[in-house]
Amino acid sequence: QVQLVESGGGSVQVGGSLRLSCAASGRTFTNYPMGWFRQAPGKEREFVAAIRWSETTSYYADSVKGRFTISRDNAKNTVYLQMNSLEPEDTALYYCAAAANRYINYRIVNDYDYWGQGTQVTVSS
């Protein structure tokens, strides 16, 4: 049974930083894309960042580019999201996602096969 477990969320002030982690179990995702999405109350789930299986290419939403960094440790079957210069607009439930297909549209929710339960990030001014 595949499980993705996020951790690292919390409450921070504007300009602060958080590092989210997503530990995968049940299968190895070394060769498959992984990503982060977020969902604010009353809004649709939106793409935040994704990283290819090769670790050499990553993708970001325009709203987080330059502030967030996605990385992965394949030896630990874990993906990370370093979030700096946080803004109130970043407040959301953050989800980790993994795909069972190497070649997907990284920005599309339905292209991912496995999801974590989410970790809350709250940024206050």
Foldseek 3Di string as FASTA:
>chain_A
DKAWAKDWADEEAAQAKIKMKIFIDDDQQLQWKKAKWWDAPPGDIWGAKIAASVQPDMDGDPVQPPFWDWGDDRVRSMIMIIGGRDDQVPWTWMKMFIAPDRDDDRTDPVRTDDIHPTDTHGYHD
